[in-house]
Amino acid sequence: MIEPVRVLIVDDDRWMTKTLADILRANGYHAEEAYSGDQALQMVSERAFNCVFTDIKMPRVNGIDLY
């Protein structure tokens, strides 16, 4: 069985994060959501993702720092 692609979506705008995650899930991806750079760093330290979509402008840990 082929595992679905694991995608992490990072954005401090919860509506945007949920919308993108819903679209990806509807298309067969395993999407998880993080609402800050700090939360995303914690998540990637615990499990692997194939792809990360991140906002660039976020408080504290921005998308560039996250990368």
C-alpha atoms as a PDB file:
ATOM      1  CA  MET A   1       0.000   0.000   0.000  1.00  0.00           C
ATOM      2  CA  ILE A   2       1.318   3.442  -0.935  1.00  0.00           C
ATOM      3  CA  GLU A   3       1.436   5.984   1.879  1.00  0.00           C
ATOM      4  CA  PRO A   4      -0.192   9.368   1.137  1.00  0.00           C
ATOM      5  CA  VAL A   5       2.089  12.378   0.778  1.00  0.00           C
ATOM      6  CA  ARG A   6       2.451  14.093   4.172  1.00  0.00           C
ATOM      7  CA  VAL A   7       2.085  17.875   3.944  1.00  0.00           C
ATOM      8  CA  LEU A   8       2.531  20.418   6.737  1.00  0.00           C
ATOM      9  CA  ILE A   9       0.734  23.734   6.303  1.00  0.00           C
ATOM     10  CA  VAL A  10       2.029  26.619   8.414  1.00  0.00           C
ATOM     11  CA  ASP A  11       0.220  29.938   8.692  1.00  0.00           C
ATOM     12  CA  ASP A  12      -0.882  32.181  11.543  1.00  0.00           C
ATOM     13  CA  ASP A  13      -4.159  32.736   9.642  1.00  0.00           C
ATOM     14  CA  ARG A  14      -6.183  29.744  10.852  1.00  0.00           C
ATOM     15  CA  TRP A  15      -8.834  30.148   8.147  1.00  0.00           C
ATOM     16  CA  MET A  16      -6.217  29.951   5.386  1.00  0.00           C
ATOM     17  CA  THR A  17      -4.497  26.961   6.994  1.00  0.00           C
ATOM     18  CA  LYS A  18      -7.751  25.036   7.403  1.00  0.00           C
ATOM     19  CA  THR A  19      -8.916  25.827   3.868  1.00  0.00           C
ATOM     20  CA  LEU A  20      -5.687  24.623   2.276  1.00  0.00           C
ATOM     21  CA  ALA A  21      -5.627  21.512   4.485  1.00  0.00           C
ATOM     22  CA  ASP A  22      -9.224  20.678   3.522  1.00  0.00           C
ATOM     23  CA  ILE A  23      -8.407  21.023  -0.185  1.00  0.00           C
ATOM     24  CA  LEU A  24      -5.348  18.790   0.139  1.00  0.00           C
ATOM     25  CA  ARG A  25      -7.223  16.151   2.165  1.00  0.00           C
ATOM     26  CA  ALA A  26     -10.012  16.091  -0.427  1.00  0.00           C
ATOM     27  CA  ASN A  27      -7.327  15.254  -2.996  1.00  0.00           C
ATOM     28  CA  GLY A  28      -5.827  12.362  -1.032  1.00  0.00           C
ATOM     29  CA  TYR A  29      -2.986  14.060   0.823  1.00  0.00           C
ATOM     30  CA  HIS A  30      -2.284  13.690   4.540  1.00  0.00           C
ATOM     31  CA  ALA A  31      -2.334  17.353   5.633  1.00  0.00           C
ATOM     32  CA  GLU A  32      -1.468  18.632   9.089  1.00  0.00           C
ATOM     33  CA  GLU A  33      -1.764  22.194  10.320  1.00  0.00           C
ATOM     34  CA  ALA A  34       0.523  24.422  12.374  1.00  0.00           C
ATOM     35  CA  TYR A  35      -0.433  27.944  13.378  1.00  0.00           C
ATOM     36  CA  SER A  36       3.042  29.292  14.149  1.00  0.00           C
ATOM     37  CA  GLY A  37       6.651  28.711  13.217  1.00  0.00           C
ATOM     38  CA  ASP A  38       7.316  27.458  16.743  1.00  0.00           C
ATOM     39  CA  GLN A  39       4.549  24.853  16.465  1.00  0.00           C
ATOM     40  CA  ALA A  40       5.820  23.777  13.032  1.00  0.00           C
ATOM     41  CA  LEU A  41       9.355  23.286  14.369  1.00  0.00           C
ATOM     42  CA  GLN A  42       7.986  21.072  17.138  1.00  0.00           C
ATOM     43  CA  MET A  43       5.968  19.026  14.634  1.00  0.00           C
ATOM     44  CA  VAL A  44       8.869  18.439  12.224  1.00  0.00           C
ATOM     45  CA  SER A  45      11.060  17.337  15.132  1.00  0.00           C
ATOM     46  CA  GLU A  46       8.494  14.619  15.946  1.00  0.00           C
ATOM     47  CA  ARG A  47       7.660  13.289  12.454  1.00  0.00           C
ATOM     48  CA  ALA A  48       8.666  13.600   8.814  1.00  0.00           C
ATOM     49  CA  PHE A  49       6.790  15.524   6.143  1.00  0.00           C
ATOM     50  CA  ASN A  50       7.231  15.281   2.384  1.00  0.00           C
ATOM     51  CA  CYS A  51       6.338  18.924   1.821  1.00  0.00           C
ATOM     52  CA  VAL A  52       5.816  22.100   3.845  1.00  0.00           C
ATOM     53  CA  PHE A  53       3.685  25.051   2.726  1.00  0.00           C
ATOM     54  CA  THR A  54       4.479  28.042   4.893  1.00  0.00           C
ATOM     55  CA  ASP A  55       3.502  31.666   5.169  1.00  0.00           C
ATOM     56  CA  ILE A  56       6.499  33.986   5.076  1.00  0.00           C
ATOM     57  CA  LYS A  57       5.246  36.747   7.407  1.00  0.00           C
ATOM     58  CA  MET A  58       4.485  35.299  10.840  1.00  0.00           C
ATOM     59  CA  PRO A  59       5.334  36.538  14.339  1.00  0.00           C
ATOM     60  CA  ARG A  60       8.423  35.199  16.141  1.00  0.00           C
ATOM     61  CA  VAL A  61       9.538  32.403  13.755  1.00  0.00           C
ATOM     62  CA  ASN A  62       8.754  33.511  10.196  1.00  0.00           C
ATOM     63  CA  GLY A  63       8.671  31.279   7.118  1.00  0.00           C
ATOM     64  CA  ILE A  64      12.286  32.029   6.156  1.00  0.00           C
ATOM     65  CA  ASP A  65      13.537  31.173   9.654  1.00  0.00           C
ATOM     66  CA  LEU A  66      11.411  28.022   9.608  1.00  0.00           C
ATOM     67  CA  TYR A  67      13.029  26.947   6.341  1.00  0.00           C
END
